Each structure stands twice: as C-alpha cells, then as structure tokens.
C-alpha cells in the first residue's frame, strides 16, 4: 500500500482535465520547455488528490487540496504569483521565538494572512464538481 497523487485542472465550464504529476512538477520548477498554452494569462482551478493506493488501484481518498494557479502569457506558472503564495503561506505558520505581546494584545496577523491566502490561492468546489473529481479518481 502506498500514496498516490492525481492532479486535475478545471476549465471555466467546470470540465475536468487530468494533468500528470510529473508535468505539474516541471511547471512548478519553472522548466522553460514546459507550458500549458490553453491556460495562458489565466487563473486556473487545480485539484490535487492525495490517495491511498495498492499498485495502481485507488483504495481511498486521503485529502483533496483545491488551489488556484496563476499562468503567465506563455502558459507557464507565473513565478511572481507563485512566490507570493509561498510567502503568504509561510505567514500562516506559527511564529517561533517572537516577542511577547502584552496580555491585552491579540496577534491576529496569521488570521488575516489566512483570509488573504484563501481568497487569492484557494477555491471551494461545488458539490457537483467535487463529486465529478471523486468519480474521475475512481474511474482511472
């Protein structure tokens, strides 16, 4: 038994396109030879499913992460937007060794960062889209 990952992009009409994980990795490593021209200049919904598998058989879905990926005019991941998402994601982590706040001051910076991160880099699927993604996972 092991873990598998399936990646799906959703078009504007909610149609699901499977993308090989290796291709997504090349996009995220800014490989100049890799692009997805149909998504040039767009913000694309991505669903990444983490699965429990045996061989190539899906046994269970552990988690599905829904994120937004920004593409540049050439159909490559927009490096500036990707770096911003990583920077903002780091702000969600608890601060280690920070200065002590007076008892009446609440440090809510992480709450604002999470709200912004969710707004700019996450999305929530409709029930129908979620069911279609689950069906696509078990169909393969």
N, C-alpha and C. Protein backbone atom coordinates (compact mmCIF):
# COMPACT_ATOMS: atom_id res chain seq x y z
N UNK A 1 0.84 -1.17 0.00
CA UNK A 1 0.00 0.00 0.00
C UNK A 1 0.88 1.24 0.00
N UNK A 2 0.42 2.26 -0.71
CA UNK A 2 1.21 3.49 -0.78
C UNK A 2 0.32 4.70 -0.98
N UNK A 3 0.97 5.79 -1.30
CA UNK A 3 0.27 7.03 -1.53
C UNK A 3 0.40 7.42 -2.99
N UNK A 4 -0.68 7.87 -3.57
CA UNK A 4 -0.68 8.35 -4.94
C UNK A 4 -1.23 9.76 -4.99
N UNK A 5 -0.91 10.45 -6.06
CA UNK A 5 -1.39 11.81 -6.24
C UNK A 5 -1.98 11.93 -7.63
N UNK A 6 -3.16 12.53 -7.72
CA UNK A 6 -3.80 12.82 -9.01
C UNK A 6 -4.02 14.32 -9.06
N UNK A 7 -3.73 14.91 -10.21
CA UNK A 7 -3.86 16.35 -10.39
C UNK A 7 -4.88 16.61 -11.48
N UNK A 8 -5.80 17.53 -11.19
CA UNK A 8 -6.82 17.91 -12.16
C UNK A 8 -6.87 19.42 -12.27
N UNK A 9 -7.02 19.91 -13.49
CA UNK A 9 -7.30 21.32 -13.73
C UNK A 9 -8.77 21.41 -14.13
N UNK A 10 -9.43 22.47 -13.71
CA UNK A 10 -10.82 22.67 -14.08
C UNK A 10 -10.93 23.88 -14.99
N UNK A 11 -11.56 23.68 -16.12
CA UNK A 11 -11.77 24.77 -17.07
C UNK A 11 -12.93 25.64 -16.60
N UNK A 12 -13.13 26.75 -17.30
CA UNK A 12 -14.19 27.69 -16.93
C UNK A 12 -15.58 27.05 -16.92
N UNK A 13 -15.78 26.02 -17.75
CA UNK A 13 -17.08 25.35 -17.81
C UNK A 13 -17.17 24.16 -16.84
N UNK A 14 -16.24 24.08 -15.90
CA UNK A 14 -16.15 23.03 -14.88
C UNK A 14 -15.74 21.67 -15.43
N UNK A 15 -15.30 21.61 -16.70
CA UNK A 15 -14.81 20.33 -17.21
C UNK A 15 -13.45 20.04 -16.57
N UNK A 16 -13.21 18.77 -16.31
CA UNK A 16 -12.03 18.34 -15.58
C UNK A 16 -10.99 17.81 -16.57
N UNK A 17 -9.75 18.30 -16.42
CA UNK A 17 -8.64 17.84 -17.24
C UNK A 17 -7.58 17.26 -16.31
N UNK A 18 -7.24 15.99 -16.51
CA UNK A 18 -6.19 15.40 -15.68
C UNK A 18 -4.83 15.85 -16.21
N UNK A 19 -3.94 16.14 -15.29
CA UNK A 19 -2.59 16.56 -15.64
C UNK A 19 -1.63 15.62 -14.92
N UNK A 20 -0.69 15.04 -15.66
CA UNK A 20 0.29 14.16 -14.98
C UNK A 20 1.07 14.95 -13.91
N UNK A 21 1.31 14.30 -12.79
CA UNK A 21 2.03 14.94 -11.70
C UNK A 21 3.41 15.40 -12.15
N UNK A 22 4.08 14.61 -12.98
CA UNK A 22 5.41 14.99 -13.46
C UNK A 22 5.36 16.31 -14.25
N UNK A 23 4.29 16.50 -15.01
CA UNK A 23 4.16 17.75 -15.76
C UNK A 23 3.94 18.94 -14.83
N UNK A 24 3.10 18.74 -13.80
CA UNK A 24 2.89 19.81 -12.82
C UNK A 24 4.20 20.15 -12.12
N UNK A 25 4.98 19.13 -11.78
CA UNK A 25 6.27 19.38 -11.13
C UNK A 25 7.19 20.20 -12.03
N UNK A 26 7.21 19.89 -13.33
CA UNK A 26 8.03 20.68 -14.26
C UNK A 26 7.54 22.12 -14.32
N UNK A 27 6.22 22.31 -14.32
CA UNK A 27 5.67 23.66 -14.32
C UNK A 27 6.07 24.41 -13.05
N UNK A 28 6.00 23.73 -11.91
CA UNK A 28 6.32 24.36 -10.63
C UNK A 28 7.82 24.59 -10.43
N UNK A 29 8.63 23.90 -11.22
CA UNK A 29 10.07 24.14 -11.19
C UNK A 29 10.48 25.10 -12.30
N UNK A 30 9.50 25.71 -12.95
CA UNK A 30 9.70 26.72 -13.98
C UNK A 30 10.58 26.23 -15.13
N UNK A 31 10.35 24.98 -15.52
CA UNK A 31 11.05 24.40 -16.66
C UNK A 31 10.67 25.20 -17.90
N UNK A 32 11.63 25.83 -18.58
CA UNK A 32 11.30 26.68 -19.72
C UNK A 32 10.69 25.91 -20.90
N UNK A 33 10.88 24.60 -20.93
CA UNK A 33 10.33 23.80 -22.01
C UNK A 33 8.89 23.37 -21.75
N UNK A 34 8.38 23.63 -20.54
CA UNK A 34 7.03 23.19 -20.16
C UNK A 34 6.07 24.36 -20.11
N UNK A 35 4.93 24.20 -20.77
CA UNK A 35 3.88 25.22 -20.70
C UNK A 35 2.54 24.57 -21.01
N UNK A 36 1.48 25.28 -20.68
CA UNK A 36 0.12 24.84 -20.98
C UNK A 36 -0.55 26.03 -21.69
N UNK A 37 -0.37 26.14 -23.00
CA UNK A 37 -0.82 27.33 -23.73
C UNK A 37 -2.30 27.68 -23.56
N UNK A 38 -3.17 26.68 -23.39
CA UNK A 38 -4.59 26.98 -23.26
C UNK A 38 -4.93 27.73 -21.97
N UNK A 39 -3.99 27.76 -21.02
CA UNK A 39 -4.21 28.48 -19.76
C UNK A 39 -3.42 29.78 -19.68
N UNK A 40 -2.83 30.20 -20.79
CA UNK A 40 -2.02 31.42 -20.81
C UNK A 40 -2.83 32.62 -20.33
N UNK A 41 -2.28 33.33 -19.36
CA UNK A 41 -2.91 34.53 -18.82
C UNK A 41 -4.11 34.28 -17.93
N UNK A 42 -4.32 33.03 -17.53
CA UNK A 42 -5.49 32.70 -16.72
C UNK A 42 -5.12 32.29 -15.31
N UNK A 43 -6.13 32.36 -14.45
CA UNK A 43 -6.06 31.82 -13.10
C UNK A 43 -6.87 30.52 -13.16
N UNK A 44 -6.20 29.40 -12.91
CA UNK A 44 -6.80 28.09 -13.13
C UNK A 44 -7.03 27.37 -11.81
N UNK A 45 -8.20 26.76 -11.69
CA UNK A 45 -8.51 25.96 -10.51
C UNK A 45 -7.82 24.60 -10.64
N UNK A 46 -7.16 24.21 -9.59
CA UNK A 46 -6.43 22.94 -9.56
C UNK A 46 -6.92 22.13 -8.37
N UNK A 47 -7.13 20.85 -8.59
CA UNK A 47 -7.47 19.93 -7.51
C UNK A 47 -6.38 18.87 -7.45
N UNK A 48 -5.75 18.74 -6.29
CA UNK A 48 -4.71 17.74 -6.10
C UNK A 48 -5.20 16.75 -5.06
N UNK A 49 -5.40 15.53 -5.51
CA UNK A 49 -5.94 14.49 -4.64
C UNK A 49 -4.82 13.58 -4.14
N UNK A 50 -4.79 13.39 -2.82
CA UNK A 50 -3.82 12.50 -2.19
C UNK A 50 -4.56 11.21 -1.86
N UNK A 51 -4.04 10.10 -2.38
CA UNK A 51 -4.77 8.84 -2.36
C UNK A 51 -4.01 7.73 -1.67
N UNK A 52 -4.77 6.79 -1.16
CA UNK A 52 -4.19 5.54 -0.68
C UNK A 52 -4.36 4.55 -1.82
N UNK A 53 -3.26 3.97 -2.28
CA UNK A 53 -3.30 3.09 -3.43
C UNK A 53 -2.59 1.77 -3.15
N UNK A 54 -3.00 0.78 -3.88
CA UNK A 54 -2.33 -0.51 -3.87
C UNK A 54 -2.08 -0.83 -5.33
N UNK A 55 -0.81 -0.85 -5.70
CA UNK A 55 -0.49 -0.96 -7.12
C UNK A 55 -0.97 0.32 -7.80
N UNK A 56 -1.83 0.17 -8.77
CA UNK A 56 -2.42 1.35 -9.43
C UNK A 56 -3.88 1.51 -9.04
N UNK A 57 -4.36 0.69 -8.13
CA UNK A 57 -5.75 0.71 -7.69
C UNK A 57 -5.94 1.70 -6.54
N UNK A 58 -6.87 2.63 -6.71
CA UNK A 58 -7.17 3.59 -5.65
C UNK A 58 -8.05 2.91 -4.60
N UNK A 59 -7.60 2.94 -3.35
CA UNK A 59 -8.37 2.35 -2.25
C UNK A 59 -9.19 3.40 -1.52
N UNK A 60 -8.60 4.59 -1.36
CA UNK A 60 -9.29 5.65 -0.61
C UNK A 60 -8.68 7.01 -0.96
N UNK A 61 -9.50 8.03 -0.74
CA UNK A 61 -9.02 9.40 -0.90
C UNK A 61 -8.67 9.91 0.49
N UNK A 62 -7.41 10.31 0.67
CA UNK A 62 -6.98 10.85 1.96
C UNK A 62 -7.37 12.32 2.09
N UNK A 63 -7.14 13.09 1.02
CA UNK A 63 -7.41 14.52 1.05
C UNK A 63 -7.43 15.05 -0.37
N UNK A 64 -8.20 16.10 -0.59
CA UNK A 64 -8.14 16.82 -1.87
C UNK A 64 -7.89 18.29 -1.54
N UNK A 65 -6.83 18.82 -2.13
CA UNK A 65 -6.46 20.22 -1.91
C UNK A 65 -6.88 21.00 -3.15
N UNK A 66 -7.59 22.09 -2.93
CA UNK A 66 -8.10 22.92 -4.03
C UNK A 66 -7.34 24.24 -4.04
N UNK A 67 -6.57 24.47 -5.09
CA UNK A 67 -5.77 25.69 -5.17
C UNK A 67 -5.96 26.39 -6.50
N UNK A 68 -5.55 27.64 -6.53
CA UNK A 68 -5.59 28.44 -7.75
C UNK A 68 -4.17 28.64 -8.23
N UNK A 69 -3.94 28.39 -9.51
CA UNK A 69 -2.63 28.60 -10.10
C UNK A 69 -2.74 29.71 -11.13
N UNK A 70 -1.82 30.63 -11.07
CA UNK A 70 -1.80 31.76 -12.00
C UNK A 70 -0.80 31.45 -13.11
N UNK A 71 -1.23 31.60 -14.35
CA UNK A 71 -0.37 31.35 -15.50
C UNK A 71 -0.03 32.66 -16.18
N UNK A 72 1.20 32.73 -16.69
CA UNK A 72 1.62 33.94 -17.40
C UNK A 72 1.17 33.88 -18.87
N UNK A 73 1.57 34.86 -19.64
CA UNK A 73 1.13 34.97 -21.04
C UNK A 73 1.65 33.83 -21.91
N UNK A 74 2.66 33.11 -21.45
CA UNK A 74 3.23 32.00 -22.21
C UNK A 74 2.68 30.64 -21.77
N UNK A 75 1.75 30.64 -20.81
CA UNK A 75 1.18 29.38 -20.33
C UNK A 75 2.04 28.67 -19.31
N UNK A 76 2.91 29.43 -18.66
CA UNK A 76 3.75 28.88 -17.59
C UNK A 76 3.25 29.42 -16.25
N UNK A 77 3.55 28.71 -15.18
CA UNK A 77 3.19 29.20 -13.85
C UNK A 77 3.82 30.58 -13.68
N UNK A 78 3.01 31.54 -13.24
CA UNK A 78 3.51 32.89 -13.00
C UNK A 78 4.41 32.86 -11.77
N UNK A 79 5.70 33.05 -11.98
CA UNK A 79 6.68 32.91 -10.91
C UNK A 79 6.44 33.91 -9.78
N UNK A 80 6.09 35.13 -10.13
CA UNK A 80 5.86 36.16 -9.12
C UNK A 80 4.66 35.77 -8.23
N UNK A 81 3.58 35.31 -8.85
CA UNK A 81 2.39 34.89 -8.08
C UNK A 81 2.70 33.66 -7.23
N UNK A 82 3.48 32.71 -7.79
CA UNK A 82 3.83 31.50 -7.05
C UNK A 82 4.66 31.86 -5.82
N UNK A 83 5.63 32.75 -6.00
CA UNK A 83 6.45 33.17 -4.87
C UNK A 83 5.62 33.90 -3.82
N UNK A 84 4.65 34.70 -4.26
CA UNK A 84 3.75 35.39 -3.32
C UNK A 84 2.92 34.38 -2.53
N UNK A 85 2.45 33.33 -3.20
CA UNK A 85 1.67 32.31 -2.49
C UNK A 85 2.52 31.60 -1.45
N UNK A 86 3.79 31.35 -1.78
CA UNK A 86 4.70 30.70 -0.83
C UNK A 86 4.99 31.63 0.35
N UNK A 87 5.21 32.91 0.07
CA UNK A 87 5.48 33.88 1.13
C UNK A 87 4.28 33.99 2.07
N UNK A 88 3.11 34.09 1.47
CA UNK A 88 1.89 34.20 2.27
C UNK A 88 1.64 32.91 3.05
N UNK A 89 1.92 31.78 2.43
CA UNK A 89 1.79 30.50 3.11
C UNK A 89 2.69 30.40 4.32
N UNK A 90 3.88 30.97 4.23
CA UNK A 90 4.81 30.96 5.37
C UNK A 90 4.27 31.81 6.52
N UNK A 91 3.51 32.84 6.20
CA UNK A 91 2.93 33.68 7.25
C UNK A 91 1.86 32.93 8.05
N UNK A 92 1.37 31.83 7.50
CA UNK A 92 0.36 31.04 8.20
C UNK A 92 0.97 30.19 9.31
N UNK A 93 2.27 29.96 9.23
CA UNK A 93 2.95 29.15 10.23
C UNK A 93 3.07 29.92 11.54
N UNK A 94 3.04 29.22 12.66
CA UNK A 94 3.20 29.92 13.95
C UNK A 94 4.57 30.56 14.04
N UNK A 95 4.61 31.73 14.64
CA UNK A 95 5.88 32.43 14.82
C UNK A 95 6.63 31.79 15.97
N UNK A 96 7.92 31.56 15.74
CA UNK A 96 8.76 30.93 16.75
C UNK A 96 9.68 31.99 17.33
N UNK A 97 9.70 32.09 18.65
CA UNK A 97 10.63 32.98 19.32
C UNK A 97 10.32 34.46 19.13
N UNK A 98 9.09 34.77 18.77
CA UNK A 98 8.72 36.17 18.59
C UNK A 98 8.63 36.88 19.93
N UNK A 99 8.60 38.18 19.88
CA UNK A 99 8.49 38.98 21.11
C UNK A 99 7.15 38.74 21.78
N UNK A 100 7.15 38.83 23.06
CA UNK A 100 5.91 38.65 23.83
C UNK A 100 5.01 39.87 23.67
N UNK A 101 3.74 39.62 23.51
CA UNK A 101 2.75 40.69 23.40
C UNK A 101 2.15 40.92 24.79
N UNK A 102 1.80 42.16 25.08
CA UNK A 102 1.09 42.40 26.34
C UNK A 102 -0.20 41.57 26.37
N UNK A 103 -0.66 41.21 27.56
CA UNK A 103 -1.81 40.35 27.72
C UNK A 103 -3.07 40.82 27.02
N UNK A 104 -3.24 42.10 26.81
CA UNK A 104 -4.46 42.61 26.18
C UNK A 104 -4.33 42.76 24.66
N UNK A 105 -3.18 42.38 24.09
CA UNK A 105 -2.97 42.48 22.64
C UNK A 105 -3.03 41.09 22.04
N UNK A 106 -3.87 40.95 21.04
CA UNK A 106 -4.01 39.66 20.36
C UNK A 106 -3.32 39.78 19.01
N UNK A 107 -2.39 38.88 18.72
CA UNK A 107 -1.70 38.88 17.44
C UNK A 107 -2.58 38.12 16.44
N UNK A 108 -3.25 38.86 15.59
CA UNK A 108 -4.17 38.26 14.62
C UNK A 108 -3.61 38.27 13.21
N UNK A 109 -2.32 38.55 13.08
CA UNK A 109 -1.71 38.63 11.76
C UNK A 109 -1.91 37.35 10.97
N UNK A 110 -1.78 36.19 11.61
CA UNK A 110 -1.94 34.93 10.90
C UNK A 110 -3.38 34.74 10.39
N UNK A 111 -4.36 35.29 11.12
CA UNK A 111 -5.75 35.19 10.67
C UNK A 111 -5.97 35.98 9.39
N UNK A 112 -5.39 37.18 9.34
CA UNK A 112 -5.52 38.00 8.14
C UNK A 112 -4.76 37.36 6.97
N UNK A 113 -3.61 36.78 7.26
CA UNK A 113 -2.83 36.12 6.21
C UNK A 113 -3.61 34.93 5.66
N UNK A 114 -4.25 34.17 6.54
CA UNK A 114 -5.03 33.01 6.08
C UNK A 114 -6.20 33.46 5.23
N UNK A 115 -6.88 34.51 5.63
CA UNK A 115 -8.01 35.01 4.86
C UNK A 115 -7.54 35.44 3.46
N UNK A 116 -6.42 36.16 3.41
CA UNK A 116 -5.90 36.60 2.12
C UNK A 116 -5.44 35.41 1.28
N UNK A 117 -4.74 34.45 1.91
CA UNK A 117 -4.27 33.26 1.21
C UNK A 117 -5.45 32.48 0.62
N UNK A 118 -6.47 32.27 1.43
CA UNK A 118 -7.65 31.54 0.96
C UNK A 118 -8.33 32.27 -0.19
N UNK A 119 -8.38 33.58 -0.11
CA UNK A 119 -9.04 34.38 -1.15
C UNK A 119 -8.26 34.36 -2.47
N UNK A 120 -6.95 34.43 -2.40
CA UNK A 120 -6.14 34.57 -3.60
C UNK A 120 -5.63 33.25 -4.18
N UNK A 121 -5.52 32.21 -3.34
CA UNK A 121 -4.85 30.99 -3.81
C UNK A 121 -5.62 29.70 -3.53
N UNK A 122 -6.83 29.80 -3.03
CA UNK A 122 -7.65 28.61 -2.77
C UNK A 122 -9.03 28.79 -3.40
N UNK A 123 -9.74 27.69 -3.58
CA UNK A 123 -11.13 27.74 -4.05
C UNK A 123 -11.89 26.58 -3.43
N UNK A 124 -13.20 26.73 -3.38
CA UNK A 124 -14.06 25.67 -2.83
C UNK A 124 -14.93 25.13 -3.96
N UNK A 125 -14.92 23.83 -4.14
CA UNK A 125 -15.71 23.24 -5.22
C UNK A 125 -17.20 23.18 -4.85
N UNK A 126 -18.02 23.23 -5.88
CA UNK A 126 -19.43 22.96 -5.66
C UNK A 126 -19.56 21.46 -5.39
N UNK A 127 -20.68 21.05 -4.88
CA UNK A 127 -20.90 19.62 -4.62
C UNK A 127 -20.78 18.80 -5.90
N UNK A 128 -21.33 19.34 -6.99
CA UNK A 128 -21.27 18.64 -8.28
C UNK A 128 -19.83 18.47 -8.76
N UNK A 129 -19.03 19.53 -8.67
CA UNK A 129 -17.64 19.46 -9.10
C UNK A 129 -16.87 18.48 -8.23
N UNK A 130 -17.09 18.53 -6.93
CA UNK A 130 -16.42 17.61 -6.00
C UNK A 130 -16.76 16.16 -6.36
N UNK A 131 -18.02 15.89 -6.63
CA UNK A 131 -18.44 14.54 -7.00
C UNK A 131 -17.81 14.10 -8.31
N UNK A 132 -17.67 15.03 -9.27
CA UNK A 132 -17.05 14.70 -10.55
C UNK A 132 -15.57 14.38 -10.39
N UNK A 133 -14.89 15.10 -9.51
CA UNK A 133 -13.48 14.82 -9.25
C UNK A 133 -13.33 13.44 -8.61
N UNK A 134 -14.15 13.16 -7.62
CA UNK A 134 -14.12 11.85 -6.96
C UNK A 134 -14.40 10.75 -7.98
N UNK A 135 -15.39 10.93 -8.84
CA UNK A 135 -15.71 9.93 -9.87
C UNK A 135 -14.52 9.74 -10.81
N UNK A 136 -13.86 10.82 -11.20
CA UNK A 136 -12.72 10.73 -12.11
C UNK A 136 -11.57 9.97 -11.45
N UNK A 137 -11.40 10.13 -10.16
CA UNK A 137 -10.32 9.42 -9.44
C UNK A 137 -10.57 7.92 -9.47
N UNK A 138 -11.80 7.49 -9.20
CA UNK A 138 -12.09 6.06 -9.14
C UNK A 138 -12.31 5.43 -10.51
N UNK A 139 -12.53 6.27 -11.53
CA UNK A 139 -12.71 5.76 -12.88
C UNK A 139 -11.39 5.27 -13.47
N UNK A 140 -10.30 5.81 -12.99
CA UNK A 140 -8.99 5.53 -13.62
C UNK A 140 -8.36 4.28 -13.08
